[in-house]
Amino acid sequence: MKGIGQHRIFLGVWTVLSICGSLLLSSPRVRGYICGPGAIFLFDVHAAPVQENGMKLTILVDNNTLIDRYFLAEPGISLYIEEGGKRILFDVGYSDVFIRNAQKMKIDLRMLDYVVLSHGHLDHTWGLDPLVRLYAEADLEHLVHHRPTILAHPLAFTAKKSSRGEEIGSMISQDSLSRHFPVNLSAAPVWLTENLLYLGAIERKTGFEGKGRVGTVVKPDGEEPDYVQDDTALVYKSHRGLVIITGCSHSGICNIVEQAKKLCREEKVIDIVGGLHLLNPSDEQLRGTLEYLGKLGSDSMHACHCTDLRSKIALSKVVNIKEVGVGLTLEYD
């Protein structure tokens, strides 16, 4: 009888501990537990709560890393953004480097609200495959996770080829991706939070940018020149002015800024972060860009990724160019 009583007590304690563990697992700060006699062992606890006031932006992938910050770099871009209680991943780079760097930075990419793609090129979308695996493995290991919505232009997943015939578009189709995440393809602007806006299709007004073709788009009835009509960007509306966040700016950085100003009804721009697609630009494009940005009068510019040295040197004469690299964190009120 004594043995039976002890066994019942043990089962009772085990049940209570299991229930407690399940309740703990429902917390957004705990992703697992091991329950044993007299103890619950927690593991894989989340980092600090998401940013509620202001925007925090961290460079997960860029062509460069910061000195004395031992992360990985690649010719691509991926930015992690916290704003208004939401977690947003802007572009996913070329490989799994954004995941590896995020892990070292203690950023949990399993709890994203949105993944926004600036356009469909390989250096911005080929990280989708490792992202799918990250969430699939979270399912298999019963880790707490939140499946983000993928947000991009309707043309982002069209097949793309370089001038040499190489595949340079997303390796994952829209249909395949939609089996893993909700997908929202929108040419219209979308407010992600009260102050963070996805710009949608960019209206191309200037005569000196957004005109270059990048390979071809493959359609059922053949191929046609690709002017990267799927290019888009984000803008954050801070108390002091706008922060423009770009991937490659194929549509033209000046066009992007103009659209952000129009949609936000705000003229002041305090920062531009991202690629400007100034890679051996024509004299006309560089001259027009310098004139526009000089008049814009932003407080600073964090030009990176597809912005070459010649262009940065020229930009430094009209704007306050800042250092950029993997590991850089920027905060705005």
C-alpha atoms as a PDB file:
ATOM      1  CA  MET A   1       0.000   0.000   0.000  1.00  0.00           C
ATOM      2  CA  LYS A   2       2.847   2.340   0.854  1.00  0.00           C
ATOM      3  CA  GLY A   3       4.402   1.774  -2.591  1.00  0.00           C
ATOM      4  CA  ILE A   4       1.085   2.428  -4.317  1.00  0.00           C
ATOM      5  CA  GLY A   5       0.629   5.670  -2.337  1.00  0.00           C
ATOM      6  CA  GLN A   6       4.091   6.868  -3.261  1.00  0.00           C
ATOM      7  CA  HIS A   7       3.434   6.021  -6.898  1.00  0.00           C
ATOM      8  CA  ARG A   8       0.187   8.044  -6.856  1.00  0.00           C
ATOM      9  CA  ILE A   9       1.993  10.982  -5.254  1.00  0.00           C
ATOM     10  CA  PHE A  10       4.720  10.782  -7.896  1.00  0.00           C
ATOM     11  CA  LEU A  11       2.149  10.737 -10.718  1.00  0.00           C
ATOM     12  CA  GLY A  12       0.363  13.685  -9.145  1.00  0.00           C
ATOM     13  CA  VAL A  13       3.554  15.708  -8.894  1.00  0.00           C
ATOM     14  CA  TRP A  14       4.514  14.763 -12.465  1.00  0.00           C
ATOM     15  CA  THR A  15       1.095  15.893 -13.735  1.00  0.00           C
ATOM     16  CA  VAL A  16       1.332  19.224 -11.919  1.00  0.00           C
ATOM     17  CA  LEU A  17       4.834  19.798 -13.275  1.00  0.00           C
ATOM     18  CA  SER A  18       3.722  18.933 -16.808  1.00  0.00           C
ATOM     19  CA  ILE A  19       0.835  21.390 -16.584  1.00  0.00           C
ATOM     20  CA  CYS A  20       3.173  24.067 -15.243  1.00  0.00           C
ATOM     21  CA  GLY A  21       5.584  23.352 -18.060  1.00  0.00           C
ATOM     22  CA  SER A  22       2.834  23.686 -20.649  1.00  0.00           C
ATOM     23  CA  LEU A  23       1.785  27.018 -19.181  1.00  0.00           C
ATOM     24  CA  LEU A  24       5.381  28.207 -19.228  1.00  0.00           C
ATOM     25  CA  LEU A  25       5.750  27.087 -22.809  1.00  0.00           C
ATOM     26  CA  SER A  26       2.814  29.294 -23.764  1.00  0.00           C
ATOM     27  CA  SER A  27       4.818  32.320 -22.623  1.00  0.00           C
ATOM     28  CA  PRO A  28       6.472  34.242 -25.486  1.00  0.00           C
ATOM     29  CA  ARG A  29       9.726  34.216 -23.507  1.00  0.00           C
ATOM     30  CA  VAL A  30      10.107  30.422 -23.130  1.00  0.00           C
ATOM     31  CA  ARG A  31      10.539  28.026 -26.029  1.00  0.00           C
ATOM     32  CA  GLY A  32      10.959  24.716 -24.214  1.00  0.00           C
ATOM     33  CA  TYR A  33      11.116  22.834 -20.949  1.00  0.00           C
ATOM     34  CA  ILE A  34      12.251  19.470 -19.599  1.00  0.00           C
ATOM     35  CA  CYS A  35      10.050  18.204 -16.825  1.00  0.00           C
ATOM     36  CA  GLY A  36      11.427  15.825 -14.205  1.00  0.00           C
ATOM     37  CA  PRO A  37      10.666  14.790 -10.621  1.00  0.00           C
ATOM     38  CA  GLY A  38      10.696  17.902  -8.487  1.00  0.00           C
ATOM     39  CA  ALA A  39      11.999  20.266 -11.169  1.00  0.00           C
ATOM     40  CA  ILE A  40      11.283  22.009 -14.424  1.00  0.00           C
ATOM     41  CA  PHE A  41      14.308  22.891 -16.526  1.00  0.00           C
ATOM     42  CA  LEU A  42      13.762  25.776 -18.943  1.00  0.00           C
ATOM     43  CA  PHE A  43      15.826  26.338 -22.039  1.00  0.00           C
ATOM     44  CA  ASP A  44      16.118  28.619 -25.056  1.00  0.00           C
ATOM     45  CA  VAL A  45      14.753  31.762 -23.435  1.00  0.00           C
ATOM     46  CA  HIS A  46      14.012  34.792 -25.631  1.00  0.00           C
ATOM     47  CA  ALA A  47      16.066  37.972 -25.594  1.00  0.00           C
ATOM     48  CA  ALA A  48      14.706  41.341 -24.476  1.00  0.00           C
ATOM     49  CA  PRO A  49      11.112  42.250 -25.362  1.00  0.00           C
ATOM     50  CA  VAL A  50      10.454  43.784 -28.765  1.00  0.00           C
ATOM     51  CA  GLN A  51      10.916  47.545 -29.226  1.00  0.00           C
ATOM     52  CA  GLU A  52       7.686  49.418 -28.470  1.00  0.00           C
ATOM     53  CA  ASN A  53       8.770  53.070 -28.667  1.00  0.00           C
ATOM     54  CA  GLY A  54      10.797  54.275 -31.631  1.00  0.00           C
ATOM     55  CA  MET A  55      12.512  52.081 -34.230  1.00  0.00           C
ATOM     56  CA  LYS A  56      15.554  49.882 -33.762  1.00  0.00           C
ATOM     57  CA  LEU A  57      17.295  48.698 -36.940  1.00  0.00           C
ATOM     58  CA  THR A  58      20.133  46.150 -37.038  1.00  0.00           C
ATOM     59  CA  ILE A  59      22.248  45.216 -40.065  1.00  0.00           C
ATOM     60  CA  LEU A  60      22.220  41.401 -40.337  1.00  0.00           C
ATOM     61  CA  VAL A  61      23.768  41.208 -43.809  1.00  0.00           C
ATOM     62  CA  ASP A  62      25.800  43.646 -45.874  1.00  0.00           C
ATOM     63  CA  ASN A  63      28.851  43.491 -48.134  1.00  0.00           C
ATOM     64  CA  ASN A  64      30.970  44.592 -45.136  1.00  0.00           C
ATOM     65  CA  THR A  65      31.276  44.004 -41.417  1.00  0.00           C
ATOM     66  CA  LEU A  66      32.280  46.512 -38.777  1.00  0.00           C
ATOM     67  CA  ILE A  67      35.816  46.322 -37.369  1.00  0.00           C
ATOM     68  CA  ASP A  68      36.081  44.197 -34.203  1.00  0.00           C
ATOM     69  CA  ARG A  69      32.596  42.768 -34.786  1.00  0.00           C
ATOM     70  CA  TYR A  70      33.099  39.156 -35.795  1.00  0.00           C
ATOM     71  CA  PHE A  71      30.121  38.488 -38.024  1.00  0.00           C
ATOM     72  CA  LEU A  72      29.844  37.190 -41.579  1.00  0.00           C
ATOM     73  CA  ALA A  73      29.330  39.336 -44.674  1.00  0.00           C
ATOM     74  CA  GLU A  74      28.194  38.601 -48.218  1.00  0.00           C
ATOM     75  CA  PRO A  75      27.142  40.632 -51.284  1.00  0.00           C
ATOM     76  CA  GLY A  76      23.547  41.040 -50.173  1.00  0.00           C
ATOM     77  CA  ILE A  77      21.443  42.816 -47.574  1.00  0.00           C
ATOM     78  CA  SER A  78      19.182  41.899 -44.669  1.00  0.00           C
ATOM     79  CA  LEU A  79      17.924  44.266 -41.975  1.00  0.00           C
ATOM     80  CA  TYR A  80      16.135  43.395 -38.738  1.00  0.00           C
ATOM     81  CA  ILE A  81      13.676  46.029 -37.541  1.00  0.00           C
ATOM     82  CA  GLU A  82      11.730  46.392 -34.305  1.00  0.00           C
ATOM     83  CA  GLU A  83       9.031  49.047 -34.203  1.00  0.00           C
ATOM     84  CA  GLY A  84       5.605  49.433 -32.630  1.00  0.00           C
ATOM     85  CA  GLY A  85       5.764  46.016 -30.995  1.00  0.00           C
ATOM     86  CA  LYS A  86       6.428  44.290 -34.352  1.00  0.00           C
ATOM     87  CA  ARG A  87       9.449  42.397 -35.648  1.00  0.00           C
ATOM     88  CA  ILE A  88      10.219  42.890 -39.328  1.00  0.00           C
ATOM     89  CA  LEU A  89      12.899  41.274 -41.474  1.00  0.00           C
ATOM     90  CA  PHE A  90      13.691  43.368 -44.552  1.00  0.00           C
ATOM     91  CA  ASP A  91      15.294  41.152 -47.229  1.00  0.00           C
ATOM     92  CA  VAL A  92      17.060  37.878 -46.496  1.00  0.00           C
ATOM     93  CA  GLY A  93      20.372  38.143 -48.321  1.00  0.00           C
ATOM     94  CA  TYR A  94      21.930  35.428 -50.471  1.00  0.00           C
ATOM     95  CA  SER A  95      22.344  32.523 -48.019  1.00  0.00           C
ATOM     96  CA  ASP A  96      21.818  31.563 -44.367  1.00  0.00           C
ATOM     97  CA  VAL A  97      24.291  34.228 -43.201  1.00  0.00           C
ATOM     98  CA  PHE A  98      21.454  36.421 -41.862  1.00  0.00           C
ATOM     99  CA  ILE A  99      20.342  33.569 -39.576  1.00  0.00           C
ATOM    100  CA  ARG A 100      23.861  32.824 -38.351  1.00  0.00           C
ATOM    101  CA  ASN A 101      24.566  36.488 -37.619  1.00  0.00           C
ATOM    102  CA  ALA A 102      21.193  36.924 -35.890  1.00  0.00           C
ATOM    103  CA  GLN A 103      21.937  33.987 -33.606  1.00  0.00           C
ATOM    104  CA  LYS A 104      25.239  35.585 -32.531  1.00  0.00           C
ATOM    105  CA  MET A 105      23.370  38.854 -31.921  1.00  0.00           C
ATOM    106  CA  LYS A 106      20.726  36.986 -29.855  1.00  0.00           C
ATOM    107  CA  ILE A 107      17.979  38.036 -32.273  1.00  0.00           C
ATOM    108  CA  ASP A 108      15.195  35.466 -32.527  1.00  0.00           C
ATOM    109  CA  LEU A 109      14.092  35.156 -36.147  1.00  0.00           C
ATOM    110  CA  ARG A 110      11.471  32.555 -35.210  1.00  0.00           C
ATOM    111  CA  MET A 111       9.199  35.274 -33.851  1.00  0.00           C
ATOM    112  CA  LEU A 112       8.881  37.564 -36.861  1.00  0.00           C
ATOM    113  CA  ASP A 113       5.693  39.394 -37.818  1.00  0.00           C
ATOM    114  CA  TYR A 114       6.695  40.321 -41.376  1.00  0.00           C
ATOM    115  CA  VAL A 115       9.328  39.459 -43.945  1.00  0.00           C
ATOM    116  CA  VAL A 116       9.421  42.288 -46.486  1.00  0.00           C
ATOM    117  CA  LEU A 117      11.241  41.805 -49.790  1.00  0.00           C
ATOM    118  CA  SER A 118      12.560  44.892 -51.566  1.00  0.00           C
ATOM    119  CA  HIS A 119      12.551  43.005 -54.904  1.00  0.00           C
ATOM    120  CA  GLY A 120      13.133  39.546 -56.314  1.00  0.00           C
ATOM    121  CA  HIS A 121      16.886  39.431 -57.035  1.00  0.00           C
ATOM    122  CA  LEU A 122      19.027  36.609 -55.642  1.00  0.00           C
ATOM    123  CA  ASP A 123      21.015  38.753 -53.184  1.00  0.00           C
ATOM    124  CA  HIS A 124      17.744  39.686 -51.474  1.00  0.00           C
ATOM    125  CA  THR A 125      15.687  36.458 -51.744  1.00  0.00           C
ATOM    126  CA  TRP A 126      17.931  33.384 -51.772  1.00  0.00           C
ATOM    127  CA  GLY A 127      17.860  33.386 -47.977  1.00  0.00           C
ATOM    128  CA  LEU A 128      14.194  32.342 -48.164  1.00  0.00           C
ATOM    129  CA  ASP A 129      15.144  28.672 -48.409  1.00  0.00           C
ATOM    130  CA  PRO A 130      17.049  28.638 -45.074  1.00  0.00           C
ATOM    131  CA  LEU A 131      14.226  30.700 -43.538  1.00  0.00           C
ATOM    132  CA  VAL A 132      11.712  28.013 -44.562  1.00  0.00           C
ATOM    133  CA  ARG A 133      13.969  25.371 -42.982  1.00  0.00           C
ATOM    134  CA  LEU A 134      14.323  27.435 -39.788  1.00  0.00           C
ATOM    135  CA  TYR A 135      10.553  27.428 -39.309  1.00  0.00           C
ATOM    136  CA  ALA A 136      10.129  23.807 -40.429  1.00  0.00           C
ATOM    137  CA  GLU A 137      12.673  22.722 -37.817  1.00  0.00           C
ATOM    138  CA  ALA A 138      10.903  24.827 -35.190  1.00  0.00           C
ATOM    139  CA  ASP A 139       7.781  22.775 -35.951  1.00  0.00           C
ATOM    140  CA  LEU A 140       9.680  19.509 -35.680  1.00  0.00           C
ATOM    141  CA  GLU A 141      11.337  20.454 -32.390  1.00  0.00           C
ATOM    142  CA  HIS A 142       8.135  21.944 -30.915  1.00  0.00           C
ATOM    143  CA  LEU A 143       9.743  25.350 -30.436  1.00  0.00           C
ATOM    144  CA  VAL A 144       7.496  28.338 -29.979  1.00  0.00           C
ATOM    145  CA  HIS A 145       7.446  30.378 -33.168  1.00  0.00           C
ATOM    146  CA  HIS A 146       5.277  32.856 -35.029  1.00  0.00           C
ATOM    147  CA  ARG A 147       4.949  32.520 -38.781  1.00  0.00           C
ATOM    148  CA  PRO A 148       5.467  35.899 -40.457  1.00  0.00           C
ATOM    149  CA  THR A 149       3.591  37.288 -43.438  1.00  0.00           C
ATOM    150  CA  ILE A 150       5.741  37.616 -46.557  1.00  0.00           C
ATOM    151  CA  LEU A 151       5.149  41.027 -48.136  1.00  0.00           C
ATOM    152  CA  ALA A 152       6.418  41.918 -51.605  1.00  0.00           C
ATOM    153  CA  HIS A 153       5.469  43.423 -54.949  1.00  0.00           C
ATOM    154  CA  PRO A 154       3.314  41.164 -57.211  1.00  0.00           C
ATOM    155  CA  LEU A 155       6.231  40.799 -59.668  1.00  0.00           C
ATOM    156  CA  ALA A 156       8.816  39.820 -57.038  1.00  0.00           C
ATOM    157  CA  PHE A 157       8.581  36.087 -57.759  1.00  0.00           C
ATOM    158  CA  THR A 158       8.697  36.242 -61.555  1.00  0.00           C
ATOM    159  CA  ALA A 159      11.613  34.315 -63.060  1.00  0.00           C
ATOM    160  CA  LYS A 160      14.616  36.536 -63.805  1.00  0.00           C
ATOM    161  CA  LYS A 161      17.744  35.962 -65.882  1.00  0.00           C
ATOM    162  CA  SER A 162      21.001  37.859 -66.155  1.00  0.00           C
ATOM    163  CA  SER A 163      22.318  39.028 -69.533  1.00  0.00           C
ATOM    164  CA  ARG A 164      24.369  35.794 -69.564  1.00  0.00           C
ATOM    165  CA  GLY A 165      21.276  33.649 -69.031  1.00  0.00           C
ATOM    166  CA  GLU A 166      21.911  32.809 -65.363  1.00  0.00           C
ATOM    167  CA  GLU A 167      19.026  32.560 -62.889  1.00  0.00           C
ATOM    168  CA  ILE A 168      19.028  35.697 -60.711  1.00  0.00           C
ATOM    169  CA  GLY A 169      15.478  35.635 -59.353  1.00  0.00           C
ATOM    170  CA  SER A 170      14.005  33.911 -56.326  1.00  0.00           C
ATOM    171  CA  MET A 171      14.695  30.181 -56.188  1.00  0.00           C
ATOM    172  CA  ILE A 172      11.398  29.658 -54.322  1.00  0.00           C
ATOM    173  CA  SER A 173       8.162  30.244 -56.190  1.00  0.00           C
ATOM    174  CA  GLN A 174       5.213  32.116 -54.747  1.00  0.00           C
ATOM    175  CA  ASP A 175       3.158  28.894 -54.648  1.00  0.00           C
ATOM    176  CA  SER A 176       5.870  26.993 -52.798  1.00  0.00           C
ATOM    177  CA  LEU A 177       6.437  29.815 -50.311  1.00  0.00           C
ATOM    178  CA  SER A 178       2.701  30.120 -49.617  1.00  0.00           C
ATOM    179  CA  ARG A 179       2.719  26.551 -48.286  1.00  0.00           C
ATOM    180  CA  HIS A 180       4.972  27.741 -45.467  1.00  0.00           C
ATOM    181  CA  PHE A 181       3.975  31.363 -44.824  1.00  0.00           C
ATOM    182  CA  PRO A 182       1.077  33.698 -45.533  1.00  0.00           C
ATOM    183  CA  VAL A 183       2.012  35.700 -48.646  1.00  0.00           C
ATOM    184  CA  ASN A 184       0.762  39.204 -49.417  1.00  0.00           C
ATOM    185  CA  LEU A 185       1.785  40.517 -52.831  1.00  0.00           C
ATOM    186  CA  SER A 186       0.876  44.180 -52.985  1.00  0.00           C
ATOM    187  CA  ALA A 187       1.627  47.013 -55.380  1.00  0.00           C
ATOM    188  CA  ALA A 188      -0.238  49.311 -52.996  1.00  0.00           C
ATOM    189  CA  PRO A 189       1.318  50.796 -49.834  1.00  0.00           C
ATOM    190  CA  VAL A 190       0.820  48.817 -46.605  1.00  0.00           C
ATOM    191  CA  TRP A 191       1.164  50.199 -43.068  1.00  0.00           C
ATOM    192  CA  LEU A 192       3.025  47.577 -41.018  1.00  0.00           C
ATOM    193  CA  THR A 193       2.661  49.622 -37.852  1.00  0.00           C
ATOM    194  CA  GLU A 194       1.337  53.072 -37.090  1.00  0.00           C
ATOM    195  CA  ASN A 195       4.653  54.580 -38.222  1.00  0.00           C
ATOM    196  CA  LEU A 196       6.299  52.029 -40.530  1.00  0.00           C
ATOM    197  CA  LEU A 197       5.130  51.945 -44.149  1.00  0.00           C
ATOM    198  CA  TYR A 198       5.769  49.567 -47.049  1.00  0.00           C
ATOM    199  CA  LEU A 199       5.821  51.822 -50.111  1.00  0.00           C
ATOM    200  CA  GLY A 200       4.519  49.407 -52.758  1.00  0.00           C
ATOM    201  CA  ALA A 201       5.207  50.155 -56.432  1.00  0.00           C
ATOM    202  CA  ILE A 202       7.487  53.177 -56.795  1.00  0.00           C
ATOM    203  CA  GLU A 203       6.406  55.891 -59.205  1.00  0.00           C
ATOM    204  CA  ARG A 204       9.366  56.797 -61.433  1.00  0.00           C
ATOM    205  CA  LYS A 205       9.341  60.539 -62.001  1.00  0.00           C
ATOM    206  CA  THR A 206      12.952  61.633 -62.321  1.00  0.00           C
ATOM    207  CA  GLY A 207      14.544  61.501 -65.741  1.00  0.00           C
ATOM    208  CA  PHE A 208      17.991  60.390 -64.588  1.00  0.00           C
ATOM    209  CA  GLU A 209      17.382  57.191 -62.573  1.00  0.00           C
ATOM    210  CA  GLY A 210      15.343  54.000 -62.554  1.00  0.00           C
ATOM    211  CA  LYS A 211      15.881  53.482 -66.285  1.00  0.00           C
ATOM    212  CA  GLY A 212      18.512  50.742 -66.336  1.00  0.00           C
ATOM    213  CA  ARG A 213      17.587  47.178 -67.252  1.00  0.00           C
ATOM    214  CA  VAL A 214      18.923  44.214 -65.306  1.00  0.00           C
ATOM    215  CA  GLY A 215      18.701  41.125 -67.474  1.00  0.00           C
ATOM    216  CA  THR A 216      15.310  39.791 -68.475  1.00  0.00           C
ATOM    217  CA  VAL A 217      12.006  38.685 -66.989  1.00  0.00           C
ATOM    218  CA  VAL A 218      10.867  35.228 -68.104  1.00  0.00           C
ATOM    219  CA  LYS A 219       7.169  35.037 -68.964  1.00  0.00           C
ATOM    220  CA  PRO A 220       5.044  32.242 -70.502  1.00  0.00           C
ATOM    221  CA  ASP A 221       5.119  33.965 -73.883  1.00  0.00           C
ATOM    222  CA  GLY A 222       8.841  34.760 -73.833  1.00  0.00           C
ATOM    223  CA  GLU A 223      11.386  37.093 -72.262  1.00  0.00           C
ATOM    224  CA  GLU A 224      11.406  40.864 -71.973  1.00  0.00           C
ATOM    225  CA  PRO A 225      13.837  43.437 -70.505  1.00  0.00           C
ATOM    226  CA  ASP A 226      13.686  43.649 -66.725  1.00  0.00           C
ATOM    227  CA  TYR A 227      13.530  47.182 -65.359  1.00  0.00           C
ATOM    228  CA  VAL A 228      12.918  45.771 -61.856  1.00  0.00           C
ATOM    229  CA  GLN A 229       9.387  47.116 -61.578  1.00  0.00           C
ATOM    230  CA  ASP A 230       9.069  45.049 -58.372  1.00  0.00           C
ATOM    231  CA  ASP A 231      11.495  47.340 -56.526  1.00  0.00           C
ATOM    232  CA  THR A 232      10.111  48.868 -53.319  1.00  0.00           C
ATOM    233  CA  ALA A 233      11.234  50.165 -49.918  1.00  0.00           C
ATOM    234  CA  LEU A 234      10.154  51.054 -46.371  1.00  0.00           C
ATOM    235  CA  VAL A 235       9.828  54.372 -44.578  1.00  0.00           C
ATOM    236  CA  TYR A 236       9.669  55.062 -40.858  1.00  0.00           C
ATOM    237  CA  LYS A 237       7.897  58.201 -39.702  1.00  0.00           C
ATOM    238  CA  SER A 238       9.753  59.435 -36.606  1.00  0.00           C
ATOM    239  CA  HIS A 239       9.079  62.513 -34.497  1.00  0.00           C
ATOM    240  CA  ARG A 240      11.967  64.319 -36.229  1.00  0.00           C
ATOM    241  CA  GLY A 241      11.317  63.217 -39.808  1.00  0.00           C
ATOM    242  CA  LEU A 242      11.484  60.250 -42.169  1.00  0.00           C
ATOM    243  CA  VAL A 243      13.927  57.344 -42.245  1.00  0.00           C
ATOM    244  CA  ILE A 244      14.081  55.764 -45.717  1.00  0.00           C
ATOM    245  CA  ILE A 245      15.001  52.046 -45.763  1.00  0.00           C
ATOM    246  CA  THR A 246      16.030  50.553 -49.111  1.00  0.00           C
ATOM    247  CA  GLY A 247      17.239  47.282 -50.562  1.00  0.00           C
ATOM    248  CA  CYS A 248      18.777  48.257 -53.911  1.00  0.00           C
ATOM    249  CA  SER A 249      16.846  51.340 -55.068  1.00  0.00           C
ATOM    250  CA  HIS A 250      16.513  50.062 -58.638  1.00  0.00           C
ATOM    251  CA  SER A 251      13.594  52.475 -59.024  1.00  0.00           C
ATOM    252  CA  GLY A 252      15.892  55.347 -58.010  1.00  0.00           C
ATOM    253  CA  ILE A 253      16.621  56.640 -54.529  1.00  0.00           C
ATOM    254  CA  CYS A 254      15.207  60.072 -55.387  1.00  0.00           C
ATOM    255  CA  ASN A 255      11.954  58.508 -56.630  1.00  0.00           C
ATOM    256  CA  ILE A 256      11.749  56.447 -53.437  1.00  0.00           C
ATOM    257  CA  VAL A 257      12.258  59.488 -51.215  1.00  0.00           C
ATOM    258  CA  GLU A 258       9.630  61.455 -53.137  1.00  0.00           C
ATOM    259  CA  GLN A 259       7.067  58.672 -52.754  1.00  0.00           C
ATOM    260  CA  ALA A 260       7.812  58.339 -49.028  1.00  0.00           C
ATOM    261  CA  LYS A 261       7.400  62.077 -48.517  1.00  0.00           C
ATOM    262  CA  LYS A 262       4.122  62.089 -50.432  1.00  0.00           C
ATOM    263  CA  LEU A 263       2.572  59.112 -48.615  1.00  0.00           C
ATOM    264  CA  CYS A 264       3.690  60.256 -45.175  1.00  0.00           C
ATOM    265  CA  ARG A 265       2.904  63.923 -45.838  1.00  0.00           C
ATOM    266  CA  GLU A 266       6.287  64.836 -44.424  1.00  0.00           C
ATOM    267  CA  GLU A 267       9.107  66.778 -46.097  1.00  0.00           C
ATOM    268  CA  LYS A 268      11.905  66.250 -43.591  1.00  0.00           C
ATOM    269  CA  VAL A 269      14.170  63.231 -44.133  1.00  0.00           C
ATOM    270  CA  ILE A 270      16.626  62.477 -41.335  1.00  0.00           C
ATOM    271  CA  ASP A 271      18.332  59.337 -42.662  1.00  0.00           C
ATOM    272  CA  ILE A 272      18.571  56.951 -45.611  1.00  0.00           C
ATOM    273  CA  VAL A 273      19.678  53.377 -44.869  1.00  0.00           C
ATOM    274  CA  GLY A 274      20.409  50.778 -47.535  1.00  0.00           C
ATOM    275  CA  GLY A 275      21.591  50.264 -51.085  1.00  0.00           C
ATOM    276  CA  LEU A 276      21.364  53.093 -53.624  1.00  0.00           C
ATOM    277  CA  HIS A 277      22.154  51.116 -56.807  1.00  0.00           C
ATOM    278  CA  LEU A 278      24.995  53.463 -57.631  1.00  0.00           C
ATOM    279  CA  LEU A 279      27.346  50.955 -59.243  1.00  0.00           C
ATOM    280  CA  ASN A 280      29.427  52.739 -61.842  1.00  0.00           C
ATOM    281  CA  PRO A 281      26.504  55.093 -62.491  1.00  0.00           C
ATOM    282  CA  SER A 282      26.338  57.318 -65.541  1.00  0.00           C
ATOM    283  CA  ASP A 283      27.427  60.920 -65.112  1.00  0.00           C
ATOM    284  CA  GLU A 284      23.790  61.947 -65.614  1.00  0.00           C
ATOM    285  CA  GLN A 285      22.514  59.678 -62.838  1.00  0.00           C
ATOM    286  CA  LEU A 286      25.248  60.559 -60.360  1.00  0.00           C
ATOM    287  CA  ARG A 287      24.952  64.286 -61.043  1.00  0.00           C
ATOM    288  CA  GLY A 288      21.155  64.223 -60.693  1.00  0.00           C
ATOM    289  CA  THR A 289      21.323  62.151 -57.504  1.00  0.00           C
ATOM    290  CA  LEU A 290      23.910  64.454 -55.918  1.00  0.00           C
ATOM    291  CA  GLU A 291      21.886  67.545 -56.746  1.00  0.00           C
ATOM    292  CA  TYR A 292      18.686  66.052 -55.322  1.00  0.00           C
ATOM    293  CA  LEU A 293      20.242  64.669 -52.120  1.00  0.00           C
ATOM    294  CA  GLY A 294      22.204  67.880 -51.553  1.00  0.00           C
ATOM    295  CA  LYS A 295      18.969  69.853 -51.569  1.00  0.00           C
ATOM    296  CA  LEU A 296      17.192  67.220 -49.441  1.00  0.00           C
ATOM    297  CA  GLY A 297      19.404  68.055 -46.463  1.00  0.00           C
ATOM    298  CA  SER A 298      19.097  64.786 -44.529  1.00  0.00           C
ATOM    299  CA  ASP A 299      20.939  64.558 -41.211  1.00  0.00           C
ATOM    300  CA  SER A 300      22.867  61.474 -42.306  1.00  0.00           C
ATOM    301  CA  MET A 301      23.056  58.698 -44.877  1.00  0.00           C
ATOM    302  CA  HIS A 302      23.964  55.044 -44.283  1.00  0.00           C
ATOM    303  CA  ALA A 303      24.650  54.006 -47.891  1.00  0.00           C
ATOM    304  CA  CYS A 304      25.676  50.374 -48.276  1.00  0.00           C
ATOM    305  CA  HIS A 305      25.381  47.191 -50.363  1.00  0.00           C
ATOM    306  CA  CYS A 306      25.124  48.327 -54.019  1.00  0.00           C
ATOM    307  CA  THR A 307      26.778  51.729 -53.558  1.00  0.00           C
ATOM    308  CA  ASP A 308      30.325  51.813 -54.934  1.00  0.00           C
ATOM    309  CA  LEU A 309      33.326  53.733 -53.570  1.00  0.00           C
ATOM    310  CA  ARG A 310      33.303  56.389 -56.288  1.00  0.00           C
ATOM    311  CA  SER A 311      29.660  57.166 -55.521  1.00  0.00           C
ATOM    312  CA  LYS A 312      30.241  57.273 -51.755  1.00  0.00           C
ATOM    313  CA  ILE A 313      33.113  59.717 -52.199  1.00  0.00           C
ATOM    314  CA  ALA A 314      30.904  61.921 -54.386  1.00  0.00           C
ATOM    315  CA  LEU A 315      27.999  61.642 -51.927  1.00  0.00           C
ATOM    316  CA  SER A 316      30.244  62.617 -49.021  1.00  0.00           C
ATOM    317  CA  LYS A 317      30.553  66.101 -50.552  1.00  0.00           C
ATOM    318  CA  VAL A 318      26.819  66.777 -50.258  1.00  0.00           C
ATOM    319  CA  VAL A 319      25.564  64.510 -47.435  1.00  0.00           C
ATOM    320  CA  ASN A 320      26.814  63.203 -44.098  1.00  0.00           C
ATOM    321  CA  ILE A 321      27.914  59.668 -45.070  1.00  0.00           C
ATOM    322  CA  LYS A 322      28.154  57.210 -42.175  1.00  0.00           C
ATOM    323  CA  GLU A 323      29.963  53.888 -41.799  1.00  0.00           C
ATOM    324  CA  VAL A 324      27.827  50.775 -42.351  1.00  0.00           C
ATOM    325  CA  GLY A 325      28.478  47.093 -41.725  1.00  0.00           C
ATOM    326  CA  VAL A 326      27.048  43.922 -40.243  1.00  0.00           C
ATOM    327  CA  GLY A 327      26.417  44.421 -36.556  1.00  0.00           C
ATOM    328  CA  LEU A 328      25.521  48.109 -36.791  1.00  0.00           C
ATOM    329  CA  THR A 329      22.416  49.060 -34.796  1.00  0.00           C
ATOM    330  CA  LEU A 330      20.584  52.329 -35.370  1.00  0.00           C
ATOM    331  CA  GLU A 331      17.822  53.723 -33.164  1.00  0.00           C
ATOM    332  CA  TYR A 332      15.322  56.465 -33.952  1.00  0.00           C
ATOM    333  CA  ASP A 333      12.655  58.052 -31.761  1.00  0.00           C
END
